[in-house]
Amino acid sequence: MTFTSRLAAAALASLLVSGIAFAQTTAPATKPDAAAIADRKAPKERSAESLECSKQADAKGLKGKERKKFRRECKKAARAGTAAPAAPAADKK
């Protein structure tokens, strides 16, 4: 065996050994426990004002941006202690 063939064999062996070292990965992360998942997925409790404003919006047949605007104004009025607004403000176009 000549010197160059020995050098080539040594280079090939070092590449194979280093490839194995880089192929190793860290241990997979542990999964969160069931209680943590349930806490994230639990729906938030809605206040009485929010539920009442939603019922009013349903009765008026509001959808989309109009519904959001109505509910926001209704909840603000309910927190202030005044009556809920009778109708949403009409957007002028």
Protein backbone atom coordinates (compact mmCIF):
# COMPACT_ATOMS: atom_id res chain seq x y z
CA MET A 1 0.00 0.00 0.00
CA THR A 2 1.35 3.39 -0.93
CA PHE A 3 1.38 6.45 1.22
CA THR A 4 -1.39 8.19 -0.74
CA SER A 5 -3.73 5.20 -0.51
CA ARG A 6 -3.15 5.05 3.26
CA LEU A 7 -3.87 8.77 3.51
CA ALA A 8 -7.05 8.39 1.48
CA ALA A 9 -8.18 5.47 3.67
CA ALA A 10 -7.51 7.48 6.84
CA ALA A 11 -9.45 10.47 5.47
CA LEU A 12 -12.39 8.23 4.53
CA ALA A 13 -12.41 6.60 7.97
CA SER A 14 -12.35 9.98 9.71
CA LEU A 15 -15.32 11.16 7.61
CA LEU A 16 -17.31 8.07 8.51
CA VAL A 17 -16.56 8.45 12.21
CA SER A 18 -17.40 12.16 12.27
CA GLY A 19 -20.64 11.50 10.36
CA ILE A 20 -21.79 9.14 13.10
CA ALA A 21 -21.00 11.73 15.77
CA PHE A 22 -23.07 14.41 14.00
CA ALA A 23 -25.96 12.03 13.42
CA GLN A 24 -26.66 11.67 17.12
CA THR A 25 -29.52 13.82 18.35
CA THR A 26 -30.65 14.95 21.76
CA ALA A 27 -33.40 13.17 23.62
CA PRO A 28 -36.92 14.23 22.62
CA ALA A 29 -38.67 16.66 24.91
CA THR A 30 -41.15 15.24 27.34
CA LYS A 31 -44.83 15.73 26.61
CA PRO A 32 -46.74 18.12 28.86
CA ASP A 33 -49.05 16.45 31.34
CA ALA A 34 -52.80 16.20 30.73
CA ALA A 35 -53.64 18.89 33.31
CA ALA A 36 -51.53 21.49 31.51
CA ILE A 37 -53.20 20.69 28.21
CA ALA A 38 -56.67 20.87 29.76
CA ASP A 39 -55.88 24.29 31.27
CA ARG A 40 -54.89 25.68 27.87
CA LYS A 41 -57.95 24.28 26.12
CA ALA A 42 -60.47 25.21 28.83
CA PRO A 43 -62.88 27.87 27.56
CA LYS A 44 -62.89 31.14 29.45
CA GLU A 45 -65.96 31.80 31.53
CA ARG A 46 -68.06 34.63 30.14
CA SER A 47 -69.52 37.33 32.32
CA ALA A 48 -73.24 37.90 32.68
CA GLU A 49 -72.89 41.18 30.76
CA SER A 50 -71.17 39.41 27.88
CA LEU A 51 -73.86 36.73 27.69
CA GLU A 52 -76.68 39.30 27.82
CA CYS A 53 -75.07 41.41 25.09
CA SER A 54 -74.66 38.30 22.93
CA LYS A 55 -78.36 37.48 23.37
CA GLN A 56 -79.28 41.03 22.35
CA ALA A 57 -77.01 40.84 19.29
CA ASP A 58 -78.58 37.49 18.33
CA ALA A 59 -82.07 38.97 18.67
CA LYS A 60 -81.09 41.81 16.34
CA GLY A 61 -79.49 39.41 13.85
CA LEU A 62 -76.11 41.16 13.95
CA LYS A 63 -73.08 39.51 12.40
CA GLY A 64 -69.42 40.30 11.84
CA LYS A 65 -68.09 43.77 12.55
CA GLU A 66 -71.51 45.14 13.46
CA ARG A 67 -71.92 42.41 16.12
CA LYS A 68 -68.46 43.04 17.58
CA LYS A 69 -69.07 46.77 17.72
CA PHE A 70 -72.50 46.30 19.33
CA ARG A 71 -71.17 43.87 21.94
CA ARG A 72 -68.24 46.14 22.79
CA GLU A 73 -70.55 49.14 23.31
CA CYS A 74 -73.10 47.03 25.17
CA LYS A 75 -70.53 45.63 27.61
CA LYS A 76 -69.08 49.10 28.16
CA ALA A 77 -72.55 50.45 28.93
CA ALA A 78 -73.31 47.49 31.23
CA ARG A 79 -70.10 48.06 33.22
CA ALA A 80 -70.95 51.75 33.53
CA GLY A 81 -74.38 50.81 34.89
CA THR A 82 -76.43 52.28 32.07
CA ALA A 83 -78.86 50.51 29.78
CA ALA A 84 -77.53 48.70 26.73
CA PRO A 85 -77.62 50.66 23.47
CA ALA A 86 -80.84 50.15 21.53
CA ALA A 87 -79.22 49.79 18.10
CA PRO A 88 -75.73 49.87 16.64
CA ALA A 89 -74.57 53.13 15.15
CA ALA A 90 -75.02 53.15 11.39
CA ASP A 91 -71.81 53.48 9.42
CA LYS A 92 -71.92 56.26 6.88
CA LYS A 93 -70.47 55.31 3.54
